Amino acid sequence: MTAVLVLNADLGPLHRVTLRHAVRMLLREVAVVHESEPDRLIGIYPMPKVVRLVSYVVTRWRFGGGPAWSRAGVHARDGRRCGYCGKDATTIDHILPRSRGGRNTWKNTVAACMACNQRKGDRTPAEAGMVLRAQPSVPTWAALAQR
């Protein structure tokens, strides 16, 4: 299915939805067609490429300290490269291991290949004699969207 861009009432981009979801939004009258495919209809509506919400939706979460931590986000932030050796990363490594109170946070996790993750084990990088290629940081929404 084709993705449809959803704009807030102030014309700021929010996210993408499926065509089916966009049509449901039009039927519930919470959105209107902002841009459509020429000469293509779905029922009485032109086939939407972009829909605009009728009422403004507050998006404080976008500006309040960055995105929430997620495994997919860590992989995207690190470019799917191991934080120790630079090879393709398939796992997430906790800099301060979870067994020692390490949490799932942006600054405590890096993408890691299986070999480096197992080599480091239940130790800190310093204890394992391993060096991080870059210090982990909290990414911005824009940085995650580009990857």
Protein backbone atom coordinates (compact mmCIF):
# COMPACT_ATOMS: atom_id res chain seq x y z
CA MET A 1 0.00 0.00 0.00
CA THR A 2 1.03 3.58 -0.58
CA ALA A 3 2.08 5.69 2.40
CA VAL A 4 0.23 8.96 2.95
CA LEU A 5 1.81 11.90 4.76
CA VAL A 6 -0.23 13.33 7.64
CA LEU A 7 0.12 17.06 8.33
CA ASN A 8 -0.97 18.77 11.51
CA ALA A 9 -3.51 21.59 11.26
CA ASP A 10 -0.60 24.07 11.21
CA LEU A 11 0.86 22.18 8.19
CA GLY A 12 3.70 20.65 10.21
CA PRO A 13 4.47 17.02 9.29
CA LEU A 14 3.41 14.40 11.86
CA HIS A 15 3.94 10.93 10.38
CA ARG A 16 3.00 8.57 7.55
CA VAL A 17 0.02 6.23 7.48
CA THR A 18 -1.25 3.61 5.07
CA LEU A 19 -3.71 4.59 2.36
CA ARG A 20 -6.39 2.58 4.17
CA HIS A 21 -5.81 4.53 7.40
CA ALA A 22 -5.89 7.84 5.51
CA VAL A 23 -9.26 6.97 3.95
CA ARG A 24 -10.61 6.11 7.41
CA MET A 25 -9.43 9.50 8.64
CA LEU A 26 -11.28 11.17 5.75
CA LEU A 27 -14.46 9.20 6.47
CA ARG A 28 -14.34 10.14 10.17
CA GLU A 29 -13.79 13.76 9.07
CA VAL A 30 -10.67 14.23 11.22
CA ALA A 31 -8.62 15.03 8.12
CA VAL A 32 -9.04 16.58 4.69
CA VAL A 33 -7.17 15.91 1.47
CA HIS A 34 -4.31 18.38 1.14
CA GLU A 35 -2.66 16.91 -1.96
CA SER A 36 -3.93 14.09 -4.16
CA GLU A 37 -3.14 11.92 -7.17
CA PRO A 38 -4.50 13.52 -10.34
CA ASP A 39 -7.61 11.86 -11.84
CA ARG A 40 -7.75 9.02 -9.27
CA LEU A 41 -10.63 8.55 -6.88
CA ILE A 42 -11.42 6.32 -3.92
CA GLY A 43 -15.18 6.51 -3.66
CA ILE A 44 -16.00 10.23 -3.54
CA TYR A 45 -12.52 11.24 -2.34
CA PRO A 46 -9.52 11.96 -4.53
CA MET A 47 -6.68 9.48 -3.83
CA PRO A 48 -4.66 11.28 -1.13
CA LYS A 49 -0.89 11.72 -1.14
CA VAL A 50 -1.05 14.18 1.78
CA VAL A 51 -3.84 14.69 4.32
CA ARG A 52 -4.18 17.56 6.82
CA LEU A 53 -5.77 17.17 10.24
CA VAL A 54 -8.79 19.36 10.92
CA SER A 55 -7.84 19.97 14.57
CA TYR A 56 -4.35 20.76 15.83
CA VAL A 57 -2.62 17.92 17.69
CA VAL A 58 -0.14 18.94 20.41
CA THR A 59 3.22 17.24 19.86
CA ARG A 60 5.20 18.17 22.97
CA TRP A 61 6.88 14.76 22.88
CA ARG A 62 8.86 15.82 19.81
CA PHE A 63 10.59 18.63 21.63
CA GLY A 64 10.93 17.25 25.16
CA GLY A 65 14.35 15.64 25.40
CA GLY A 66 14.48 13.55 22.24
CA PRO A 67 12.96 10.26 21.20
CA ALA A 68 12.35 7.39 23.60
CA TRP A 69 15.01 4.66 23.71
CA SER A 70 14.50 1.63 21.48
CA ARG A 71 16.69 -1.13 20.05
CA ALA A 72 15.82 -0.05 16.51
CA GLY A 73 16.72 3.53 17.44
CA VAL A 74 20.15 2.48 18.76
CA HIS A 75 20.84 0.59 15.53
CA ALA A 76 19.72 3.61 13.48
CA ARG A 77 21.79 6.05 15.57
CA ASP A 78 24.93 3.88 15.18
CA GLY A 79 24.36 3.19 11.48
CA ARG A 80 24.06 -0.55 12.18
CA ARG A 81 27.81 -0.65 12.89
CA CYS A 82 29.48 -2.13 15.96
CA GLY A 83 30.51 0.50 18.49
CA TYR A 84 33.76 -1.39 19.15
CA CYS A 85 35.06 -2.78 15.84
CA GLY A 86 32.87 -1.19 13.12
CA LYS A 87 31.52 -4.44 11.62
CA ASP A 88 27.80 -5.07 10.99
CA ALA A 89 25.97 -4.95 14.31
CA THR A 90 23.23 -7.41 15.18
CA THR A 91 22.93 -6.92 18.96
CA ILE A 92 22.75 -4.15 21.55
CA ASP A 93 25.46 -3.87 24.21
CA HIS A 94 25.04 -2.15 27.58
CA ILE A 95 28.16 -0.18 28.48
CA LEU A 96 27.38 -0.62 32.18
CA PRO A 97 25.95 -4.17 32.15
CA ARG A 98 22.35 -4.63 33.21
CA SER A 99 23.50 -7.04 35.92
CA ARG A 100 25.31 -4.09 37.54
CA GLY A 101 22.37 -1.72 37.31
CA GLY A 102 22.85 -0.50 33.73
CA ARG A 103 19.63 0.75 32.16
CA ASN A 104 18.19 0.89 28.65
CA THR A 105 19.20 4.47 27.90
CA TRP A 106 20.73 6.16 24.88
CA LYS A 107 24.00 6.89 26.70
CA ASN A 108 24.38 3.36 28.11
CA THR A 109 23.79 1.34 24.92
CA VAL A 110 25.60 0.88 21.62
CA ALA A 111 25.05 -1.37 18.64
CA ALA A 112 27.51 -4.29 18.73
CA CYS A 113 28.44 -7.30 16.65
CA MET A 114 27.95 -10.69 18.28
CA ALA A 115 31.70 -11.31 18.68
CA CYS A 116 32.38 -8.01 20.50
CA ASN A 117 29.26 -8.37 22.65
CA GLN A 118 30.32 -11.85 23.79
CA ARG A 119 33.96 -10.79 24.27
CA LYS A 120 32.91 -7.90 26.50
CA GLY A 121 30.45 -10.08 28.39
CA ASP A 122 29.42 -8.88 31.84
CA ARG A 123 32.17 -6.26 32.14
CA THR A 124 32.59 -2.59 31.35
CA PRO A 125 34.60 -1.71 28.22
CA ALA A 126 37.56 -0.65 30.40
CA GLU A 127 37.54 -3.97 32.27
CA ALA A 128 37.36 -5.88 28.98
CA GLY A 129 40.15 -3.79 27.43
CA MET A 130 37.84 -2.55 24.67
CA VAL A 131 37.51 1.02 23.40
CA LEU A 132 34.32 2.59 22.07
CA ARG A 133 34.75 4.21 18.66
CA ALA A 134 32.42 7.07 19.69
CA GLN A 135 30.66 8.09 22.88
CA PRO A 136 26.93 7.28 22.68
CA SER A 137 24.57 10.24 22.80
CA VAL A 138 20.87 11.01 22.70
CA PRO A 139 19.91 11.42 19.01
CA THR A 140 17.61 14.12 17.71
CA TRP A 141 14.39 13.31 15.87
CA ALA A 142 15.95 14.64 12.67
CA ALA A 143 19.00 12.39 13.00
CA LEU A 144 16.83 9.28 13.39
CA ALA A 145 14.57 10.28 10.50
CA GLN A 146 17.54 10.52 8.11
CA ARG A 147 18.61 6.91 8.70
